[in-house]
Amino acid sequence: MNSEKQTIILNHLKENETISTQEAVNLIGYGIYCNRSNYVAKTLSRMVKNGSIARVKPGLFRLPISDDYTDYDLLTELK
């Protein structure tokens, strides 16, 4: 079950290919007065760990690729 803030991130990713940590701070960092970036980064990391999102590179996230693909399949398609 996702929290309200995780749902906001997931909804953003349904409409956009990726989200950066800074974009996530702007979306869900409201109401947090100290260490806003740290709070959001931890939320994003938890979402990566539970499989809700995937890390593209540090500070950039996307929805996970379908289970029908492996990393090898994806790399082969890109060549």
C-alpha atoms as a PDB file:
ATOM      1  CA  MET A   1       0.000   0.000   0.000  1.00  0.00           C
ATOM      2  CA  ASN A   2       1.377   3.374  -1.025  1.00  0.00           C
ATOM      3  CA  SER A   3       1.309   6.509   1.058  1.00  0.00           C
ATOM      4  CA  GLU A   4      -0.306   9.674  -0.280  1.00  0.00           C
ATOM      5  CA  LYS A   5       3.091  11.086  -1.248  1.00  0.00           C
ATOM      6  CA  GLN A   6       4.144   7.858  -2.985  1.00  0.00           C
ATOM      7  CA  THR A   7       0.877   7.950  -4.931  1.00  0.00           C
ATOM      8  CA  ILE A   8       1.667  11.502  -6.058  1.00  0.00           C
ATOM      9  CA  ILE A   9       5.053  10.321  -7.366  1.00  0.00           C
ATOM     10  CA  LEU A  10       3.486   7.338  -9.148  1.00  0.00           C
ATOM     11  CA  ASN A  11       0.832   9.541 -10.746  1.00  0.00           C
ATOM     12  CA  HIS A  12       3.552  11.906 -11.963  1.00  0.00           C
ATOM     13  CA  LEU A  13       5.416   8.959 -13.503  1.00  0.00           C
ATOM     14  CA  LYS A  14       2.286   7.757 -15.300  1.00  0.00           C
ATOM     15  CA  GLU A  15       2.216  11.092 -17.135  1.00  0.00           C
ATOM     16  CA  ASN A  16       5.987  11.666 -17.420  1.00  0.00           C
ATOM     17  CA  GLU A  17       8.764   9.241 -18.280  1.00  0.00           C
ATOM     18  CA  THR A  18      11.011  10.153 -15.352  1.00  0.00           C
ATOM     19  CA  ILE A  19      11.169  12.167 -12.160  1.00  0.00           C
ATOM     20  CA  SER A  20      14.250  13.728 -10.604  1.00  0.00           C
ATOM     21  CA  THR A  21      14.810  14.044  -6.893  1.00  0.00           C
ATOM     22  CA  GLN A  22      14.345  17.814  -7.201  1.00  0.00           C
ATOM     23  CA  GLU A  23      11.041  17.406  -9.045  1.00  0.00           C
ATOM     24  CA  ALA A  24       9.897  15.024  -6.309  1.00  0.00           C
ATOM     25  CA  VAL A  25      10.904  17.569  -3.649  1.00  0.00           C
ATOM     26  CA  ASN A  26       8.735  20.138  -5.427  1.00  0.00           C
ATOM     27  CA  LEU A  27       5.820  17.688  -5.610  1.00  0.00           C
ATOM     28  CA  ILE A  28       5.865  16.136  -2.123  1.00  0.00           C
ATOM     29  CA  GLY A  29       8.218  18.245  -0.022  1.00  0.00           C
ATOM     30  CA  TYR A  30       5.451  20.457   1.297  1.00  0.00           C
ATOM     31  CA  GLY A  31       4.897  20.440   5.039  1.00  0.00           C
ATOM     32  CA  ILE A  32       8.482  19.375   5.735  1.00  0.00           C
ATOM     33  CA  TYR A  33      10.489  22.211   7.204  1.00  0.00           C
ATOM     34  CA  CYS A  34      13.871  20.581   7.738  1.00  0.00           C
ATOM     35  CA  ASN A  35      15.930  18.363   5.425  1.00  0.00           C
ATOM     36  CA  ARG A  36      13.248  18.286   2.731  1.00  0.00           C
ATOM     37  CA  SER A  37      15.603  16.786   0.129  1.00  0.00           C
ATOM     38  CA  ASN A  38      16.755  14.072   2.529  1.00  0.00           C
ATOM     39  CA  TYR A  39      13.163  13.103   3.378  1.00  0.00           C
ATOM     40  CA  VAL A  40      12.184  12.860  -0.296  1.00  0.00           C
ATOM     41  CA  ALA A  41      15.362  10.942  -1.212  1.00  0.00           C
ATOM     42  CA  LYS A  42      14.574   8.365   1.486  1.00  0.00           C
ATOM     43  CA  THR A  43      11.002   8.059   0.202  1.00  0.00           C
ATOM     44  CA  LEU A  44      12.289   7.468  -3.336  1.00  0.00           C
ATOM     45  CA  SER A  45      14.815   4.887  -2.080  1.00  0.00           C
ATOM     46  CA  ARG A  46      12.068   3.001  -0.226  1.00  0.00           C
ATOM     47  CA  MET A  47      10.009   2.981  -3.416  1.00  0.00           C
ATOM     48  CA  VAL A  48      12.981   1.547  -5.351  1.00  0.00           C
ATOM     49  CA  LYS A  49      13.477  -1.152  -2.721  1.00  0.00           C
ATOM     50  CA  ASN A  50       9.823  -2.203  -2.820  1.00  0.00           C
ATOM     51  CA  GLY A  51       9.782  -2.236  -6.631  1.00  0.00           C
ATOM     52  CA  SER A  52       7.339   0.644  -7.136  1.00  0.00           C
ATOM     53  CA  ILE A  53       9.888   2.627  -9.164  1.00  0.00           C
ATOM     54  CA  ALA A  54      13.327   2.032 -10.686  1.00  0.00           C
ATOM     55  CA  ARG A  55      16.465   4.141 -10.407  1.00  0.00           C
ATOM     56  CA  VAL A  56      17.774   5.181 -13.837  1.00  0.00           C
ATOM     57  CA  LYS A  57      20.843   6.882 -12.352  1.00  0.00           C
ATOM     58  CA  PRO A  58      21.482   8.764  -9.117  1.00  0.00           C
ATOM     59  CA  GLY A  59      18.725  11.334  -8.715  1.00  0.00           C
ATOM     60  CA  LEU A  60      16.571  10.090 -11.614  1.00  0.00           C
ATOM     61  CA  PHE A  61      13.724   7.575 -11.396  1.00  0.00           C
ATOM     62  CA  ARG A  62      11.109   5.931 -13.642  1.00  0.00           C
ATOM     63  CA  LEU A  63       8.420   3.293 -13.445  1.00  0.00           C
ATOM     64  CA  PRO A  64       9.867  -0.227 -13.536  1.00  0.00           C
ATOM     65  CA  ILE A  65      10.121  -1.980 -16.874  1.00  0.00           C
ATOM     66  CA  SER A  66       7.619  -4.776 -17.406  1.00  0.00           C
ATOM     67  CA  ASP A  67       8.657  -8.223 -16.203  1.00  0.00           C
ATOM     68  CA  ASP A  68       8.497  -9.295 -19.857  1.00  0.00           C
ATOM     69  CA  TYR A  69      11.857  -7.609 -20.419  1.00  0.00           C
ATOM     70  CA  THR A  70      15.258  -8.275 -18.972  1.00  0.00           C
ATOM     71  CA  ASP A  71      18.153  -5.838 -18.986  1.00  0.00           C
ATOM     72  CA  TYR A  72      19.693  -7.897 -21.784  1.00  0.00           C
ATOM     73  CA  ASP A  73      16.533  -7.612 -23.892  1.00  0.00           C
ATOM     74  CA  LEU A  74      16.421  -3.873 -23.356  1.00  0.00           C
ATOM     75  CA  LEU A  75      20.080  -3.422 -24.316  1.00  0.00           C
ATOM     76  CA  THR A  76      19.606  -5.571 -27.414  1.00  0.00           C
ATOM     77  CA  GLU A  77      16.649  -3.451 -28.536  1.00  0.00           C
ATOM     78  CA  LEU A  78      18.657  -0.250 -28.108  1.00  0.00           C
ATOM     79  CA  LYS A  79      21.479  -1.417 -30.407  1.00  0.00           C
END
